[in-house]
Amino acid sequence: MKLTEIVHILEEIAPPELADDFDTGRIGLILGLEDEVNRIAVALDANSYVLKKAAEMRADMLITHHTLIFHPVNIISKPLAASLRIALENGISLYSMHTNYDRAEGGINDVLATRLGLKNIRTSEIGRIGEIKPCSSAELAAHVSDCLQTPVMYAGEKDEISKVMVIGGSGFRNEYLEIARENGVDAFISSELKHDILRTHEDLCLIDATHYATENPGMEALCSRLRRLPGIEVEFIDQPSGLLAVNCRLDRNKVALDLNEGKEACKQEEPGKESLEFMLEEQSRNQIRSDYRRSLGNENRRRYLE
C-alpha cells in the first residue's frame, strides 16, 4: 500500500485538527521515506529500543503516540543522531498521532475508559467520563492496577465512587480537574500527579496509573484497526518505562550502607506485586492492604498472597 494512502487513513482515524495548538508541526508524517509500505510497527514512543525493534522486523513505517522530535532542533545530539540513523538506514518512515488521537473516537481515552470498564461513557474536552459500580477509593485503585497491569498511587479516601473521569498521559491539570468537578465526578484517573494538585483537589479521589499504562492500550488497539488494511503486516512493540519502586523501611536487622553512615538501608523491590503493595502502603499501610485484598476476589486474592 502507498505511504500516502496510509497517511490518509491515519488522518481519518485521528484528524489533525483535533490536536492541541502546541502539537502544530509535531504530528503527522514526521519522516517520509519509502513509497510502498508492507510492514507497520506501532508503539507509544519512538525511542532507540523501539526503532531497533522496528528495524529487526523490517518495518517500512513506525507509528507512535509521542514524536521523536518534540522541541525544535538546532544542535543534533548523539542519541537523536543514533535514532535518526536507524530510521534512515532501514527506510522506516515515522508518523506521530498525539493529542489528536487522545480526542479521537476510539483513541487513547476511549480505549482507556473501556479497559477500565466504565459505562455510559461520554466525551468531556479531551477526557472521558463514565460510571462504575459504587466502590471505595482503595477498591478502585486496585481495579485500575489490575486492568492496566501497573502499580498505582492514589489520594483521597472515598467510601462510594460511582462517576469517574479518565485522561491518558499527564492529565492532572487544573482545567481538566475543574471539568471533573463541574460534572460531579468522584474519581479522576490519569498520571504524573503533582503536589500542588494534591493540595487543591482534596475533594476528589486522584489515581496516578503512570503515563505509559494509561496511553499504551490505545496504541495497542490501533493495531487491530490497521490489520484490516489489505496486504499490511502490523506488529505492536511494547516497552514499559522500566521504573522501579524503592521502599525505605526501618529495619534494625539491616546494616546501614557505608556511603550513608547513620541511615537505614534502602531495599529496592522488584516490579510487580511487591511494587504495588509498596505504593498502596504509602497512603495507609494497613487499611489499604486489607481493602485491596477484599477487592480482588478469591482467585486473585490467592495469587496476591502467594
C-alpha atoms as a PDB file:
ATOM      1  CA  MET A   1       0.000   0.000   0.000  1.00  0.00           C
ATOM      2  CA  LYS A   2       1.192   3.509  -0.742  1.00  0.00           C
ATOM      3  CA  LEU A   3       2.502   5.604   2.145  1.00  0.00           C
ATOM      4  CA  THR A   4       0.176   8.425   1.139  1.00  0.00           C
ATOM      5  CA  GLU A   5      -2.819   6.085   1.400  1.00  0.00           C
ATOM      6  CA  ILE A   6      -1.866   5.029   4.917  1.00  0.00           C
ATOM      7  CA  VAL A   7      -1.374   8.655   5.970  1.00  0.00           C
ATOM      8  CA  HIS A   8      -4.871   9.423   4.675  1.00  0.00           C
ATOM      9  CA  ILE A   9      -6.313   6.531   6.713  1.00  0.00           C
ATOM     10  CA  LEU A  10      -4.482   7.641   9.865  1.00  0.00           C
ATOM     11  CA  GLU A  11      -5.824  11.163   9.421  1.00  0.00           C
ATOM     12  CA  GLU A  12      -9.338   9.731   9.210  1.00  0.00           C
ATOM     13  CA  ILE A  13      -8.748   7.817  12.458  1.00  0.00           C
ATOM     14  CA  ALA A  14      -7.273  10.849  14.238  1.00  0.00           C
ATOM     15  CA  PRO A  15      -7.988  14.088  12.335  1.00  0.00           C
ATOM     16  CA  PRO A  16      -5.080  16.532  12.783  1.00  0.00           C
ATOM     17  CA  GLU A  17      -7.496  19.384  13.578  1.00  0.00           C
ATOM     18  CA  LEU A  18      -8.362  17.658  16.868  1.00  0.00           C
ATOM     19  CA  ALA A  19      -4.829  18.253  18.186  1.00  0.00           C
ATOM     20  CA  ASP A  20      -3.915  20.902  20.751  1.00  0.00           C
ATOM     21  CA  ASP A  21      -2.223  24.009  19.397  1.00  0.00           C
ATOM     22  CA  PHE A  22       1.145  23.006  20.844  1.00  0.00           C
ATOM     23  CA  ASP A  23       1.125  19.931  18.593  1.00  0.00           C
ATOM     24  CA  THR A  24       1.231  22.047  15.437  1.00  0.00           C
ATOM     25  CA  GLY A  25       4.117  20.745  13.308  1.00  0.00           C
ATOM     26  CA  ARG A  26       4.682  17.823  15.693  1.00  0.00           C
ATOM     27  CA  ILE A  27       2.117  15.321  14.432  1.00  0.00           C
ATOM     28  CA  GLY A  28       1.527  13.527  11.164  1.00  0.00           C
ATOM     29  CA  LEU A  29       4.255  12.296   8.837  1.00  0.00           C
ATOM     30  CA  ILE A  30       7.478  13.307  10.560  1.00  0.00           C
ATOM     31  CA  LEU A  31       9.790  11.392   8.232  1.00  0.00           C
ATOM     32  CA  GLY A  32       8.606  10.085   4.872  1.00  0.00           C
ATOM     33  CA  LEU A  33      10.893   7.557   3.159  1.00  0.00           C
ATOM     34  CA  GLU A  34       9.671   4.523   1.218  1.00  0.00           C
ATOM     35  CA  ASP A  35       6.653   4.957  -1.081  1.00  0.00           C
ATOM     36  CA  GLU A  36       5.480   1.372  -0.572  1.00  0.00           C
ATOM     37  CA  VAL A  37       4.563   0.116   2.914  1.00  0.00           C
ATOM     38  CA  ASN A  38       4.168  -3.581   3.677  1.00  0.00           C
ATOM     39  CA  ARG A  39       5.010  -3.747   7.394  1.00  0.00           C
ATOM     40  CA  ILE A  40       3.993  -1.285  10.096  1.00  0.00           C
ATOM     41  CA  ALA A  41       5.298  -1.115  13.659  1.00  0.00           C
ATOM     42  CA  VAL A  42       3.213   0.623  16.342  1.00  0.00           C
ATOM     43  CA  ALA A  43       4.471   1.826  19.729  1.00  0.00           C
ATOM     44  CA  LEU A  44       3.965   4.544  22.309  1.00  0.00           C
ATOM     45  CA  ASP A  45       7.415   6.122  21.932  1.00  0.00           C
ATOM     46  CA  ALA A  46       9.881   6.492  19.066  1.00  0.00           C
ATOM     47  CA  ASN A  47      12.939   5.738  21.192  1.00  0.00           C
ATOM     48  CA  SER A  48      16.052   3.812  20.208  1.00  0.00           C
ATOM     49  CA  TYR A  49      14.733   0.490  21.578  1.00  0.00           C
ATOM     50  CA  VAL A  50      11.536   0.766  19.538  1.00  0.00           C
ATOM     51  CA  LEU A  51      13.395   1.857  16.394  1.00  0.00           C
ATOM     52  CA  LYS A  52      15.780  -1.097  16.683  1.00  0.00           C
ATOM     53  CA  LYS A  53      12.844  -3.482  17.067  1.00  0.00           C
ATOM     54  CA  ALA A  54      11.138  -1.895  14.063  1.00  0.00           C
ATOM     55  CA  ALA A  55      14.323  -2.379  12.052  1.00  0.00           C
ATOM     56  CA  GLU A  56      14.569  -6.031  13.139  1.00  0.00           C
ATOM     57  CA  MET A  57      11.048  -6.710  11.907  1.00  0.00           C
ATOM     58  CA  ARG A  58      11.869  -4.881   8.651  1.00  0.00           C
ATOM     59  CA  ALA A  59       9.099  -2.337   9.173  1.00  0.00           C
ATOM     60  CA  ASP A  60       8.614   0.278   6.484  1.00  0.00           C
ATOM     61  CA  MET A  61       6.769   2.580   8.877  1.00  0.00           C
ATOM     62  CA  LEU A  62       6.669   3.299  12.624  1.00  0.00           C
ATOM     63  CA  ILE A  63       3.534   4.887  14.107  1.00  0.00           C
ATOM     64  CA  THR A  64       3.849   6.317  17.623  1.00  0.00           C
ATOM     65  CA  HIS A  65       1.905   8.490  20.026  1.00  0.00           C
ATOM     66  CA  HIS A  66       4.936  10.559  21.066  1.00  0.00           C
ATOM     67  CA  THR A  67       7.041  12.070  18.317  1.00  0.00           C
ATOM     68  CA  LEU A  68      10.787  11.509  18.051  1.00  0.00           C
ATOM     69  CA  ILE A  69      11.458  15.280  17.905  1.00  0.00           C
ATOM     70  CA  PHE A  70       9.190  17.403  20.111  1.00  0.00           C
ATOM     71  CA  HIS A  71      11.217  20.610  20.505  1.00  0.00           C
ATOM     72  CA  PRO A  72      12.842  22.483  17.587  1.00  0.00           C
ATOM     73  CA  VAL A  73      16.385  21.243  16.965  1.00  0.00           C
ATOM     74  CA  ASN A  74      19.387  23.494  16.351  1.00  0.00           C
ATOM     75  CA  ILE A  75      22.023  21.032  17.529  1.00  0.00           C
ATOM     76  CA  ILE A  76      21.645  17.296  16.914  1.00  0.00           C
ATOM     77  CA  SER A  77      22.610  15.265  19.965  1.00  0.00           C
ATOM     78  CA  LYS A  78      24.247  11.849  19.732  1.00  0.00           C
ATOM     79  CA  PRO A  79      21.095   9.995  20.921  1.00  0.00           C
ATOM     80  CA  LEU A  80      18.943  11.799  18.357  1.00  0.00           C
ATOM     81  CA  ALA A  81      21.522  11.172  15.635  1.00  0.00           C
ATOM     82  CA  ALA A  82      21.608   7.476  16.537  1.00  0.00           C
ATOM     83  CA  SER A  83      17.803   7.207  16.366  1.00  0.00           C
ATOM     84  CA  LEU A  84      17.620   9.041  13.055  1.00  0.00           C
ATOM     85  CA  ARG A  85      20.378   6.827  11.669  1.00  0.00           C
ATOM     86  CA  ILE A  86      18.342   3.692  12.448  1.00  0.00           C
ATOM     87  CA  ALA A  87      15.296   5.122  10.697  1.00  0.00           C
ATOM     88  CA  LEU A  88      17.205   6.397   7.661  1.00  0.00           C
ATOM     89  CA  GLU A  89      19.388   3.336   7.159  1.00  0.00           C
ATOM     90  CA  ASN A  90      16.413   0.994   7.413  1.00  0.00           C
ATOM     91  CA  GLY A  91      13.927   3.048   5.410  1.00  0.00           C
ATOM     92  CA  ILE A  92      11.479   3.497   8.321  1.00  0.00           C
ATOM     93  CA  SER A  93       9.007   6.340   7.868  1.00  0.00           C
ATOM     94  CA  LEU A  94       7.873   7.975  11.122  1.00  0.00           C
ATOM     95  CA  TYR A  95       4.312   9.044  11.880  1.00  0.00           C
ATOM     96  CA  SER A  96       3.046  10.608  15.119  1.00  0.00           C
ATOM     97  CA  MET A  97      -0.545  10.909  16.369  1.00  0.00           C
ATOM     98  CA  HIS A  98      -0.618  12.703  19.712  1.00  0.00           C
ATOM     99  CA  THR A  99      -3.389  14.884  21.214  1.00  0.00           C
ATOM    100  CA  ASN A 100      -5.478  14.371  18.087  1.00  0.00           C
ATOM    101  CA  TYR A 101      -5.556  10.646  18.896  1.00  0.00           C
ATOM    102  CA  ASP A 102      -6.316  11.453  22.565  1.00  0.00           C
ATOM    103  CA  ARG A 103      -9.530  13.178  21.467  1.00  0.00           C
ATOM    104  CA  ALA A 104     -10.421  10.922  18.536  1.00  0.00           C
ATOM    105  CA  GLU A 105     -13.254   8.437  18.698  1.00  0.00           C
ATOM    106  CA  GLY A 106     -11.754   5.048  19.511  1.00  0.00           C
ATOM    107  CA  GLY A 107      -8.486   6.724  20.521  1.00  0.00           C
ATOM    108  CA  ILE A 108      -6.380   6.812  23.682  1.00  0.00           C
ATOM    109  CA  ASN A 109      -9.091   7.919  26.107  1.00  0.00           C
ATOM    110  CA  ASP A 110     -11.925   5.854  24.669  1.00  0.00           C
ATOM    111  CA  VAL A 111      -9.761   2.748  24.922  1.00  0.00           C
ATOM    112  CA  LEU A 112      -8.682   3.646  28.469  1.00  0.00           C
ATOM    113  CA  ALA A 113     -12.274   4.183  29.622  1.00  0.00           C
ATOM    114  CA  THR A 114     -13.357   0.896  28.059  1.00  0.00           C
ATOM    115  CA  ARG A 115     -10.388  -1.005  29.506  1.00  0.00           C
ATOM    116  CA  LEU A 116     -11.369   0.208  32.980  1.00  0.00           C
ATOM    117  CA  GLY A 117     -14.955  -0.932  32.471  1.00  0.00           C
ATOM    118  CA  LEU A 118     -16.658   2.471  32.517  1.00  0.00           C
ATOM    119  CA  LYS A 119     -20.297   2.546  31.431  1.00  0.00           C
ATOM    120  CA  ASN A 120     -22.336   5.297  29.762  1.00  0.00           C
ATOM    121  CA  ILE A 121     -19.118   6.894  28.538  1.00  0.00           C
ATOM    122  CA  ARG A 122     -19.247  10.439  27.220  1.00  0.00           C
ATOM    123  CA  THR A 123     -16.642  12.879  25.961  1.00  0.00           C
ATOM    124  CA  SER A 124     -15.684  15.895  28.039  1.00  0.00           C
ATOM    125  CA  GLU A 125     -12.984  18.040  26.417  1.00  0.00           C
ATOM    126  CA  ILE A 126     -10.048  15.658  25.874  1.00  0.00           C
ATOM    127  CA  GLY A 127     -11.103  13.117  28.519  1.00  0.00           C
ATOM    128  CA  ARG A 128     -13.915  10.650  29.061  1.00  0.00           C
ATOM    129  CA  ILE A 129     -16.456  10.455  31.901  1.00  0.00           C
ATOM    130  CA  GLY A 130     -18.242   7.243  32.802  1.00  0.00           C
ATOM    131  CA  GLU A 131     -19.956   5.306  35.540  1.00  0.00           C
ATOM    132  CA  ILE A 132     -18.858   2.323  37.597  1.00  0.00           C
ATOM    133  CA  LYS A 133     -20.401   0.103  40.243  1.00  0.00           C
ATOM    134  CA  PRO A 134     -20.036   2.015  43.554  1.00  0.00           C
ATOM    135  CA  CYS A 135     -16.790   1.200  45.345  1.00  0.00           C
ATOM    136  CA  SER A 136     -14.225   2.713  47.705  1.00  0.00           C
ATOM    137  CA  SER A 137     -11.040   4.528  46.708  1.00  0.00           C
ATOM    138  CA  ALA A 138      -8.912   1.525  47.633  1.00  0.00           C
ATOM    139  CA  GLU A 139     -11.107  -0.834  45.635  1.00  0.00           C
ATOM    140  CA  LEU A 140     -10.992   1.412  42.579  1.00  0.00           C
ATOM    141  CA  ALA A 141      -7.212   1.785  42.834  1.00  0.00           C
ATOM    142  CA  ALA A 142      -6.851  -1.992  42.962  1.00  0.00           C
ATOM    143  CA  HIS A 143      -9.202  -2.359  39.981  1.00  0.00           C
ATOM    144  CA  VAL A 144      -7.201   0.166  37.929  1.00  0.00           C
ATOM    145  CA  SER A 145      -3.956  -1.576  38.809  1.00  0.00           C
ATOM    146  CA  ASP A 146      -5.367  -4.937  37.759  1.00  0.00           C
ATOM    147  CA  CYS A 147      -6.895  -3.678  34.492  1.00  0.00           C
ATOM    148  CA  LEU A 148      -3.757  -1.834  33.388  1.00  0.00           C
ATOM    149  CA  GLN A 149      -1.249  -4.249  34.964  1.00  0.00           C
ATOM    150  CA  THR A 150       0.665  -1.437  36.639  1.00  0.00           C
ATOM    151  CA  PRO A 151       1.431  -0.135  40.126  1.00  0.00           C
ATOM    152  CA  VAL A 152      -0.718   2.867  41.051  1.00  0.00           C
ATOM    153  CA  MET A 153      -0.701   5.625  43.664  1.00  0.00           C
ATOM    154  CA  TYR A 154      -3.793   7.398  44.875  1.00  0.00           C
ATOM    155  CA  ALA A 155      -5.016  10.068  47.277  1.00  0.00           C
ATOM    156  CA  GLY A 156      -8.462  10.960  48.572  1.00  0.00           C
ATOM    157  CA  GLU A 157     -10.372   8.434  50.633  1.00  0.00           C
ATOM    158  CA  LYS A 158     -13.965   7.929  49.499  1.00  0.00           C
ATOM    159  CA  ASP A 159     -16.381   5.207  50.552  1.00  0.00           C
ATOM    160  CA  GLU A 160     -18.578   5.362  47.457  1.00  0.00           C
ATOM    161  CA  ILE A 161     -17.284   6.238  43.992  1.00  0.00           C
ATOM    162  CA  SER A 162     -19.648   5.922  41.039  1.00  0.00           C
ATOM    163  CA  LYS A 163     -18.586   8.554  38.487  1.00  0.00           C
ATOM    164  CA  VAL A 164     -15.056   8.554  37.044  1.00  0.00           C
ATOM    165  CA  MET A 165     -13.124  10.743  34.604  1.00  0.00           C
ATOM    166  CA  VAL A 166     -10.071   9.451  32.741  1.00  0.00           C
ATOM    167  CA  ILE A 167      -7.346  11.151  30.734  1.00  0.00           C
ATOM    168  CA  GLY A 168      -4.413   9.136  29.422  1.00  0.00           C
ATOM    169  CA  GLY A 169      -0.964  10.611  29.994  1.00  0.00           C
ATOM    170  CA  SER A 170      -0.262  13.727  32.062  1.00  0.00           C
ATOM    171  CA  GLY A 171      -3.843  14.846  32.603  1.00  0.00           C
ATOM    172  CA  PHE A 172      -3.652  16.151  36.165  1.00  0.00           C
ATOM    173  CA  ARG A 173      -4.171  19.765  35.117  1.00  0.00           C
ATOM    174  CA  ASN A 174      -6.398  22.340  36.812  1.00  0.00           C
ATOM    175  CA  GLU A 175      -8.591  22.920  33.758  1.00  0.00           C
ATOM    176  CA  TYR A 176      -9.395  19.215  33.428  1.00  0.00           C
ATOM    177  CA  LEU A 177      -9.950  18.728  37.142  1.00  0.00           C
ATOM    178  CA  GLU A 178     -12.378  21.645  37.160  1.00  0.00           C
ATOM    179  CA  ILE A 179     -14.312  19.908  34.387  1.00  0.00           C
ATOM    180  CA  ALA A 180     -14.425  16.837  36.628  1.00  0.00           C
ATOM    181  CA  ARG A 181     -15.811  18.903  39.497  1.00  0.00           C
ATOM    182  CA  GLU A 182     -18.413  20.566  37.301  1.00  0.00           C
ATOM    183  CA  ASN A 183     -19.636  17.131  36.205  1.00  0.00           C
ATOM    184  CA  GLY A 184     -19.876  15.716  39.723  1.00  0.00           C
ATOM    185  CA  VAL A 185     -17.003  13.270  39.218  1.00  0.00           C
ATOM    186  CA  ASP A 186     -15.860  11.280  42.262  1.00  0.00           C
ATOM    187  CA  ALA A 187     -12.525   9.983  40.936  1.00  0.00           C
ATOM    188  CA  PHE A 188     -10.032  11.178  38.342  1.00  0.00           C
ATOM    189  CA  ILE A 189      -7.577   8.740  36.728  1.00  0.00           C
ATOM    190  CA  SER A 190      -4.501   9.937  34.862  1.00  0.00           C
ATOM    191  CA  SER A 191      -0.737  10.185  35.534  1.00  0.00           C
ATOM    192  CA  GLU A 192       2.065  12.445  36.762  1.00  0.00           C
ATOM    193  CA  LEU A 193       0.209  13.633  39.849  1.00  0.00           C
ATOM    194  CA  LYS A 194       1.904  16.682  41.394  1.00  0.00           C
ATOM    195  CA  HIS A 195       1.934  18.035  44.933  1.00  0.00           C
ATOM    196  CA  ASP A 196       0.020  21.249  44.158  1.00  0.00           C
ATOM    197  CA  ILE A 197      -2.817  19.219  42.623  1.00  0.00           C
ATOM    198  CA  LEU A 198      -2.996  17.074  45.751  1.00  0.00           C
ATOM    199  CA  ARG A 199      -3.357  20.195  47.906  1.00  0.00           C
ATOM    200  CA  THR A 200      -6.039  21.880  45.801  1.00  0.00           C
ATOM    201  CA  HIS A 201      -8.219  18.887  44.912  1.00  0.00           C
ATOM    202  CA  GLU A 202      -8.699  17.044  48.169  1.00  0.00           C
ATOM    203  CA  ASP A 203     -12.396  16.586  47.360  1.00  0.00           C
ATOM    204  CA  LEU A 204     -11.569  14.093  44.576  1.00  0.00           C
ATOM    205  CA  CYS A 205     -10.059  10.635  44.578  1.00  0.00           C
ATOM    206  CA  LEU A 206      -6.956  11.043  42.391  1.00  0.00           C
ATOM    207  CA  ILE A 207      -5.381   7.911  40.918  1.00  0.00           C
ATOM    208  CA  ASP A 208      -1.980   8.015  39.219  1.00  0.00           C
ATOM    209  CA  ALA A 209      -1.732   4.954  36.973  1.00  0.00           C
ATOM    210  CA  THR A 210       1.500   6.003  35.172  1.00  0.00           C
ATOM    211  CA  HIS A 211       1.877   7.724  31.814  1.00  0.00           C
ATOM    212  CA  TYR A 212       2.794   4.555  29.942  1.00  0.00           C
ATOM    213  CA  ALA A 213      -0.005   2.340  31.256  1.00  0.00           C
ATOM    214  CA  THR A 214      -2.766   4.894  30.625  1.00  0.00           C
ATOM    215  CA  GLU A 215      -1.758   5.522  26.999  1.00  0.00           C
ATOM    216  CA  ASN A 216      -0.285   2.231  25.854  1.00  0.00           C
ATOM    217  CA  PRO A 217      -3.630   0.372  25.485  1.00  0.00           C
ATOM    218  CA  GLY A 218      -4.785   2.939  22.934  1.00  0.00           C
ATOM    219  CA  MET A 219      -1.757   2.359  20.727  1.00  0.00           C
ATOM    220  CA  GLU A 220      -2.129  -1.397  21.023  1.00  0.00           C
ATOM    221  CA  ALA A 221      -5.785  -1.077  19.988  1.00  0.00           C
ATOM    222  CA  LEU A 222      -4.706   0.872  16.899  1.00  0.00           C
ATOM    223  CA  CYS A 223      -3.008  -2.285  15.612  1.00  0.00           C
ATOM    224  CA  SER A 224      -6.348  -4.086  15.315  1.00  0.00           C
ATOM    225  CA  ARG A 225      -7.677  -1.319  13.080  1.00  0.00           C
ATOM    226  CA  LEU A 226      -4.569  -1.278  10.890  1.00  0.00           C
ATOM    227  CA  ARG A 227      -4.591  -5.059  10.452  1.00  0.00           C
ATOM    228  CA  ARG A 228      -7.764  -4.656   8.399  1.00  0.00           C
ATOM    229  CA  LEU A 229      -5.733  -2.967   5.668  1.00  0.00           C
ATOM    230  CA  PRO A 230      -5.054  -5.309   2.726  1.00  0.00           C
ATOM    231  CA  GLY A 231      -1.526  -6.611   2.377  1.00  0.00           C
ATOM    232  CA  ILE A 232      -0.214  -4.925   5.541  1.00  0.00           C
ATOM    233  CA  GLU A 233       1.542  -6.696   8.436  1.00  0.00           C
ATOM    234  CA  VAL A 234       1.281  -4.885  11.767  1.00  0.00           C
ATOM    235  CA  GLU A 235       3.261  -5.511  14.954  1.00  0.00           C
ATOM    236  CA  PHE A 236       2.962  -3.796  18.321  1.00  0.00           C
ATOM    237  CA  ILE A 237       6.210  -3.018  20.164  1.00  0.00           C
ATOM    238  CA  ASP A 238       5.719  -2.967  23.928  1.00  0.00           C
ATOM    239  CA  GLN A 239       8.351  -1.297  26.091  1.00  0.00           C
ATOM    240  CA  PRO A 240       7.327  -0.447  29.669  1.00  0.00           C
ATOM    241  CA  SER A 241       9.081   2.544  31.212  1.00  0.00           C
ATOM    242  CA  GLY A 242      11.283   0.396  33.471  1.00  0.00           C
ATOM    243  CA  LEU A 243      10.544   2.468  36.581  1.00  0.00           C
ATOM    244  CA  LEU A 244      11.104   0.580  39.833  1.00  0.00           C
ATOM    245  CA  ALA A 245       9.720   1.331  43.282  1.00  0.00           C
ATOM    246  CA  VAL A 246      12.237   1.719  46.108  1.00  0.00           C
ATOM    247  CA  ASN A 247      10.899   1.318  49.634  1.00  0.00           C
ATOM    248  CA  CYS A 248      12.974   2.684  52.502  1.00  0.00           C
ATOM    249  CA  ARG A 249      11.912   0.888  55.677  1.00  0.00           C
ATOM    250  CA  LEU A 250      13.111   0.947  59.227  1.00  0.00           C
ATOM    251  CA  ASP A 251      14.783  -2.431  59.693  1.00  0.00           C
ATOM    252  CA  ARG A 252      17.222  -2.684  62.588  1.00  0.00           C
ATOM    253  CA  ASN A 253      18.430  -6.050  61.311  1.00  0.00           C
ATOM    254  CA  LYS A 254      19.818  -4.431  58.176  1.00  0.00           C
ATOM    255  CA  VAL A 255      23.278  -2.930  58.087  1.00  0.00           C
ATOM    256  CA  ALA A 256      23.429   0.726  57.009  1.00  0.00           C
ATOM    257  CA  LEU A 257      25.101   1.442  53.691  1.00  0.00           C
ATOM    258  CA  ASP A 258      28.711   2.549  54.133  1.00  0.00           C
ATOM    259  CA  LEU A 259      28.231   5.635  51.996  1.00  0.00           C
ATOM    260  CA  ASN A 260      25.208   6.688  54.077  1.00  0.00           C
ATOM    261  CA  GLU A 261      26.527   6.080  57.576  1.00  0.00           C
ATOM    262  CA  GLY A 262      23.855   6.530  60.199  1.00  0.00           C
ATOM    263  CA  LYS A 263      20.960   5.989  57.780  1.00  0.00           C
ATOM    264  CA  GLU A 264      18.930   2.823  57.424  1.00  0.00           C
ATOM    265  CA  ALA A 265      19.469   0.789  54.273  1.00  0.00           C
ATOM    266  CA  CYS A 266      17.020   1.100  51.403  1.00  0.00           C
ATOM    267  CA  LYS A 267      15.603  -2.035  49.924  1.00  0.00           C
ATOM    268  CA  GLN A 268      14.870  -1.995  46.184  1.00  0.00           C
ATOM    269  CA  GLU A 269      11.865  -4.069  45.235  1.00  0.00           C
ATOM    270  CA  GLU A 270      11.257  -5.861  42.004  1.00  0.00           C
ATOM    271  CA  PRO A 271       8.337  -4.549  39.907  1.00  0.00           C
ATOM    272  CA  GLY A 272       5.015  -6.346  40.139  1.00  0.00           C
ATOM    273  CA  LYS A 273       3.062  -7.325  43.198  1.00  0.00           C
ATOM    274  CA  GLU A 274       5.605  -6.013  45.690  1.00  0.00           C
ATOM    275  CA  SER A 275       5.795  -2.649  43.908  1.00  0.00           C
ATOM    276  CA  LEU A 276       2.030  -2.365  44.014  1.00  0.00           C
ATOM    277  CA  GLU A 277       1.940  -3.289  47.702  1.00  0.00           C
ATOM    278  CA  PHE A 278       4.554  -0.647  48.467  1.00  0.00           C
ATOM    279  CA  MET A 279       2.771   2.118  46.620  1.00  0.00           C
ATOM    280  CA  LEU A 280      -0.547   1.348  48.222  1.00  0.00           C
ATOM    281  CA  GLU A 281       1.062   1.097  51.658  1.00  0.00           C
ATOM    282  CA  GLU A 282       2.436   4.602  51.277  1.00  0.00           C
ATOM    283  CA  GLN A 283      -1.081   6.000  51.611  1.00  0.00           C
ATOM    284  CA  SER A 284      -2.288   3.912  54.529  1.00  0.00           C
ATOM    285  CA  ARG A 285      -0.154   0.858  55.168  1.00  0.00           C
ATOM    286  CA  ASN A 286      -2.568  -1.440  56.954  1.00  0.00           C
ATOM    287  CA  GLN A 287      -6.024  -0.256  55.897  1.00  0.00           C
ATOM    288  CA  ILE A 288      -5.359  -0.133  52.166  1.00  0.00           C
ATOM    289  CA  ARG A 289      -3.710  -3.545  52.143  1.00  0.00           C
ATOM    290  CA  SER A 290      -6.791  -5.021  53.806  1.00  0.00           C
ATOM    291  CA  ASP A 291      -9.207  -3.252  51.443  1.00  0.00           C
ATOM    292  CA  TYR A 292      -7.138  -4.299  48.442  1.00  0.00           C
ATOM    293  CA  ARG A 293      -7.268  -7.984  49.355  1.00  0.00           C
ATOM    294  CA  ARG A 294     -11.022  -7.867  49.833  1.00  0.00           C
ATOM    295  CA  SER A 295     -11.495  -6.224  46.446  1.00  0.00           C
ATOM    296  CA  LEU A 296      -9.563  -8.794  44.418  1.00  0.00           C
ATOM    297  CA  GLY A 297     -11.898 -11.774  44.636  1.00  0.00           C
ATOM    298  CA  ASN A 298     -10.944 -15.323  45.632  1.00  0.00           C
ATOM    299  CA  GLU A 299      -8.740 -16.293  42.697  1.00  0.00           C
ATOM    300  CA  ASN A 300      -6.780 -13.019  42.553  1.00  0.00           C
ATOM    301  CA  ARG A 301      -6.556 -12.937  46.359  1.00  0.00           C
ATOM    302  CA  ARG A 302      -4.808 -16.296  46.364  1.00  0.00           C
ATOM    303  CA  ARG A 303      -2.402 -15.006  43.709  1.00  0.00           C
ATOM    304  CA  TYR A 304      -1.719 -11.858  45.771  1.00  0.00           C
ATOM    305  CA  LEU A 305      -0.979 -13.851  48.943  1.00  0.00           C
ATOM    306  CA  GLU A 306       1.385 -16.292  47.234  1.00  0.00           C
END
